[in-house]
């Protein structure tokens, strides 16, 4: 996104096959909750320029 929050580019990520149930933003990263074999896990995504 640019300074006016207009989308500049987007791509499809084939590995992401479902919508996250729970996510939040912390420390400049998107945190996505994932249950793996009944263990709490988080996928962290950091966007950089």
PDB file of N, CA and C in Angstrom:
ATOM      1  N   UNK A   1       0.842  -1.176   0.000  1.00  0.00           N
ATOM      2  CA  UNK A   1       0.000   0.000   0.000  1.00  0.00           C
ATOM      3  C   UNK A   1       0.886   1.238   0.000  1.00  0.00           C
ATOM      4  N   UNK A   2       0.353   2.290  -0.573  1.00  0.00           N
ATOM      5  CA  UNK A   2       1.097   3.544  -0.550  1.00  0.00           C
ATOM      6  C   UNK A   2       0.641   4.390   0.640  1.00  0.00           C
ATOM      7  N   UNK A   3       1.108   5.622   0.707  1.00  0.00           N
ATOM      8  CA  UNK A   3       0.791   6.495   1.850  1.00  0.00           C
ATOM      9  C   UNK A   3      -0.702   6.783   1.971  1.00  0.00           C
ATOM     10  N   UNK A   4      -1.428   6.671   0.864  1.00  0.00           N
ATOM     11  CA  UNK A   4      -2.882   6.891   0.880  1.00  0.00           C
ATOM     12  C   UNK A   4      -3.633   5.573   1.090  1.00  0.00           C
ATOM     13  N   UNK A   5      -2.920   4.509   1.459  1.00  0.00           N
ATOM     14  CA  UNK A   5      -3.491   3.182   1.710  1.00  0.00           C
ATOM     15  C   UNK A   5      -4.165   2.583   0.483  1.00  0.00           C
ATOM     16  N   UNK A   6      -3.630   2.893  -0.687  1.00  0.00           N
ATOM     17  CA  UNK A   6      -4.103   2.281  -1.922  1.00  0.00           C
ATOM     18  C   UNK A   6      -3.250   1.041  -2.195  1.00  0.00           C
ATOM     19  N   UNK A   7      -3.894  -0.043  -2.586  1.00  0.00           N
ATOM     20  CA  UNK A   7      -3.174  -1.288  -2.855  1.00  0.00           C
ATOM     21  C   UNK A   7      -2.310  -1.105  -4.093  1.00  0.00           C
ATOM     22  N   UNK A   8      -1.012  -1.417  -3.958  1.00  0.00           N
ATOM     23  CA  UNK A   8      -0.086  -1.313  -5.074  1.00  0.00           C
ATOM     24  C   UNK A   8       0.115  -2.652  -5.776  1.00  0.00           C
ATOM     25  N   UNK A   9       0.063  -3.744  -4.999  1.00  0.00           N
ATOM     26  CA  UNK A   9       0.323  -5.069  -5.572  1.00  0.00           C
ATOM     27  C   UNK A   9      -0.257  -6.135  -4.657  1.00  0.00           C
ATOM     28  N   UNK A  10      -0.724  -7.192  -5.235  1.00  0.00           N
ATOM     29  CA  UNK A  10      -1.175  -8.338  -4.446  1.00  0.00           C
ATOM     30  C   UNK A  10      -0.918  -9.606  -5.243  1.00  0.00           C
ATOM     31  N   UNK A  11      -0.696 -10.709  -4.514  1.00  0.00           N
ATOM     32  CA  UNK A  11      -0.481 -12.000  -5.154  1.00  0.00           C
ATOM     33  C   UNK A  11      -1.225 -13.068  -4.361  1.00  0.00           C
ATOM     34  N   UNK A  12      -1.542 -14.162  -5.015  1.00  0.00           N
ATOM     35  CA  UNK A  12      -2.172 -15.293  -4.355  1.00  0.00           C
ATOM     36  C   UNK A  12      -1.071 -16.200  -3.813  1.00  0.00           C
ATOM     37  N   UNK A  13      -1.256 -16.666  -2.581  1.00  0.00           N
ATOM     38  CA  UNK A  13      -0.312 -17.592  -1.960  1.00  0.00           C
ATOM     39  C   UNK A  13      -0.997 -18.955  -1.917  1.00  0.00           C
ATOM     40  N   UNK A  14      -0.607 -19.868  -2.810  1.00  0.00           N
ATOM     41  CA  UNK A  14      -1.317 -21.145  -2.904  1.00  0.00           C
ATOM     42  C   UNK A  14      -1.249 -21.991  -1.635  1.00  0.00           C
ATOM     43  N   UNK A  15      -0.240 -21.788  -0.798  1.00  0.00           N
ATOM     44  CA  UNK A  15      -0.114 -22.569   0.430  1.00  0.00           C
ATOM     45  C   UNK A  15      -1.155 -22.173   1.478  1.00  0.00           C
ATOM     46  N   UNK A  16      -1.714 -20.988   1.371  1.00  0.00           N
ATOM     47  CA  UNK A  16      -2.746 -20.540   2.313  1.00  0.00           C
ATOM     48  C   UNK A  16      -4.101 -20.977   1.761  1.00  0.00           C
ATOM     49  N   UNK A  17      -4.616 -22.072   2.304  1.00  0.00           N
ATOM     50  CA  UNK A  17      -5.829 -22.670   1.743  1.00  0.00           C
ATOM     51  C   UNK A  17      -7.080 -22.407   2.569  1.00  0.00           C
ATOM     52  N   UNK A  18      -6.940 -21.769   3.748  1.00  0.00           N
ATOM     53  CA  UNK A  18      -8.114 -21.484   4.572  1.00  0.00           C
ATOM     54  C   UNK A  18      -7.954 -20.122   5.243  1.00  0.00           C
ATOM     55  N   UNK A  19      -9.067 -19.546   5.628  1.00  0.00           N
ATOM     56  CA  UNK A  19      -9.039 -18.261   6.321  1.00  0.00           C
ATOM     57  C   UNK A  19      -8.675 -18.475   7.782  1.00  0.00           C
ATOM     58  N   UNK A  20      -7.876 -17.560   8.354  1.00  0.00           N
ATOM     59  CA  UNK A  20      -7.519 -17.725   9.769  1.00  0.00           C
ATOM     60  C   UNK A  20      -8.725 -17.488  10.664  1.00  0.00           C
ATOM     61  N   UNK A  21      -8.854 -18.302  11.718  1.00  0.00           N
ATOM     62  CA  UNK A  21      -9.948 -18.134  12.671  1.00  0.00           C
ATOM     63  C   UNK A  21      -9.681 -16.984  13.628  1.00  0.00           C
ATOM     64  N   UNK A  22      -8.429 -16.829  14.054  1.00  0.00           N
ATOM     65  CA  UNK A  22      -8.081 -15.797  15.026  1.00  0.00           C
ATOM     66  C   UNK A  22      -6.738 -15.208  14.639  1.00  0.00           C
ATOM     67  N   UNK A  23      -6.669 -13.885  14.557  1.00  0.00           N
ATOM     68  CA  UNK A  23      -5.406 -13.226  14.242  1.00  0.00           C
ATOM     69  C   UNK A  23      -5.377 -11.863  14.912  1.00  0.00           C
ATOM     70  N   UNK A  24      -4.173 -11.334  15.090  1.00  0.00           N
ATOM     71  CA  UNK A  24      -4.000 -10.005  15.670  1.00  0.00           C
ATOM     72  C   UNK A  24      -2.668  -9.447  15.193  1.00  0.00           C
ATOM     73  N   UNK A  25      -2.477  -8.143  15.407  1.00  0.00           N
ATOM     74  CA  UNK A  25      -1.237  -7.467  15.024  1.00  0.00           C
ATOM     75  C   UNK A  25      -0.506  -7.060  16.283  1.00  0.00           C
ATOM     76  N   UNK A  26       0.785  -7.393  16.354  1.00  0.00           N
ATOM     77  CA  UNK A  26       1.619  -7.053  17.503  1.00  0.00           C
ATOM     78  C   UNK A  26       3.052  -6.911  17.019  1.00  0.00           C
ATOM     79  N   UNK A  27       3.746  -5.900  17.505  1.00  0.00           N
ATOM     80  CA  UNK A  27       5.160  -5.685  17.176  1.00  0.00           C
ATOM     81  C   UNK A  27       5.403  -5.614  15.673  1.00  0.00           C
ATOM     82  N   UNK A  28       4.472  -5.039  14.933  1.00  0.00           N
ATOM     83  CA  UNK A  28       4.637  -4.878  13.493  1.00  0.00           C
ATOM     84  C   UNK A  28       4.463  -6.157  12.688  1.00  0.00           C
ATOM     85  N   UNK A  29       3.925  -7.207  13.306  1.00  0.00           N
ATOM     86  CA  UNK A  29       3.705  -8.474  12.616  1.00  0.00           C
ATOM     87  C   UNK A  29       2.247  -8.897  12.755  1.00  0.00           C
ATOM     88  N   UNK A  30       1.775  -9.676  11.793  1.00  0.00           N
ATOM     89  CA  UNK A  30       0.456 -10.298  11.876  1.00  0.00           C
ATOM     90  C   UNK A  30       0.659 -11.676  12.496  1.00  0.00           C
ATOM     91  N   UNK A  31      -0.036 -11.938  13.587  1.00  0.00           N
ATOM     92  CA  UNK A  31       0.048 -13.223  14.288  1.00  0.00           C
ATOM     93  C   UNK A  31      -1.230 -13.992  13.995  1.00  0.00           C
ATOM     94  N   UNK A  32      -1.110 -15.220  13.507  1.00  0.00           N
ATOM     95  CA  UNK A  32      -2.256 -16.057  13.168  1.00  0.00           C
ATOM     96  C   UNK A  32      -2.216 -17.305  14.040  1.00  0.00           C
ATOM     97  N   UNK A  33      -3.292 -17.531  14.797  1.00  0.00           N
ATOM     98  CA  UNK A  33      -3.390 -18.721  15.647  1.00  0.00           C
ATOM     99  C   UNK A  33      -3.602 -19.958  14.790  1.00  0.00           C
ATOM    100  N   UNK A  34      -2.895 -21.013  15.120  1.00  0.00           N
ATOM    101  CA  UNK A  34      -3.058 -22.288  14.420  1.00  0.00           C
ATOM    102  C   UNK A  34      -2.973 -23.423  15.433  1.00  0.00           C
ATOM    103  N   UNK A  35      -3.930 -24.334  15.394  1.00  0.00           N
ATOM    104  CA  UNK A  35      -3.931 -25.507  16.266  1.00  0.00           C
ATOM    105  C   UNK A  35      -3.242 -26.648  15.520  1.00  0.00           C
ATOM    106  N   UNK A  36      -2.111 -27.109  16.046  1.00  0.00           N
ATOM    107  CA  UNK A  36      -1.368 -28.210  15.435  1.00  0.00           C
ATOM    108  C   UNK A  36      -1.303 -29.347  16.447  1.00  0.00           C
ATOM    109  N   UNK A  37      -2.022 -30.410  16.188  1.00  0.00           N
ATOM    110  CA  UNK A  37      -2.056 -31.574  17.094  1.00  0.00           C
ATOM    111  C   UNK A  37      -2.376 -31.166  18.528  1.00  0.00           C
ATOM    112  N   UNK A  38      -3.387 -30.319  18.700  1.00  0.00           N
ATOM    113  CA  UNK A  38      -3.827 -29.812  20.005  1.00  0.00           C
ATOM    114  C   UNK A  38      -2.758 -29.005  20.738  1.00  0.00           C
ATOM    115  N   UNK A  39      -1.818 -28.433  20.007  1.00  0.00           N
ATOM    116  CA  UNK A  39      -0.805 -27.538  20.576  1.00  0.00           C
ATOM    117  C   UNK A  39      -1.053 -26.135  20.027  1.00  0.00           C
ATOM    118  N   UNK A  40      -0.879 -25.139  20.880  1.00  0.00           N
ATOM    119  CA  UNK A  40      -1.049 -23.748  20.461  1.00  0.00           C
ATOM    120  C   UNK A  40       0.156 -23.342  19.620  1.00  0.00           C
ATOM    121  N   UNK A  41      -0.114 -22.839  18.428  1.00  0.00           N
ATOM    122  CA  UNK A  41       0.944 -22.389  17.524  1.00  0.00           C
ATOM    123  C   UNK A  41       0.534 -21.057  16.917  1.00  0.00           C
ATOM    124  N   UNK A  42       1.529 -20.267  16.538  1.00  0.00           N
ATOM    125  CA  UNK A  42       1.268 -19.005  15.866  1.00  0.00           C
ATOM    126  C   UNK A  42       2.125 -18.915  14.617  1.00  0.00           C
ATOM    127  N   UNK A  43       1.514 -18.465  13.551  1.00  0.00           N
ATOM    128  CA  UNK A  43       2.231 -18.127  12.330  1.00  0.00           C
ATOM    129  C   UNK A  43       2.436 -16.622  12.386  1.00  0.00           C
ATOM    130  N   UNK A  44       3.675 -16.166  12.237  1.00  0.00           N
ATOM    131  CA  UNK A  44       3.965 -14.735  12.281  1.00  0.00           C
ATOM    132  C   UNK A  44       4.348 -14.264  10.887  1.00  0.00           C
ATOM    133  N   UNK A  45       3.709 -13.192  10.445  1.00  0.00           N
ATOM    134  CA  UNK A  45       3.989 -12.631   9.123  1.00  0.00           C
ATOM    135  C   UNK A  45       4.488 -11.209   9.311  1.00  0.00           C
ATOM    136  N   UNK A  46       5.679 -10.933   8.788  1.00  0.00           N
ATOM    137  CA  UNK A  46       6.242  -9.585   8.845  1.00  0.00           C
ATOM    138  C   UNK A  46       6.341  -9.058   7.421  1.00  0.00           C
ATOM    139  N   UNK A  47       5.768  -7.895   7.196  1.00  0.00           N
ATOM    140  CA  UNK A  47       5.787  -7.277   5.879  1.00  0.00           C
ATOM    141  C   UNK A  47       6.913  -6.251   5.860  1.00  0.00           C
ATOM    142  N   UNK A  48       7.764  -6.341   4.861  1.00  0.00           N
ATOM    143  CA  UNK A  48       8.864  -5.378   4.745  1.00  0.00           C
ATOM    144  C   UNK A  48       8.887  -4.817   3.331  1.00  0.00           C
ATOM    145  N   UNK A  49       9.539  -3.686   3.203  1.00  0.00           N
ATOM    146  CA  UNK A  49       9.592  -3.057   1.874  1.00  0.00           C
ATOM    147  C   UNK A  49      10.833  -3.452   1.124  1.00  0.00           C
TER     148      UNK A  49
END
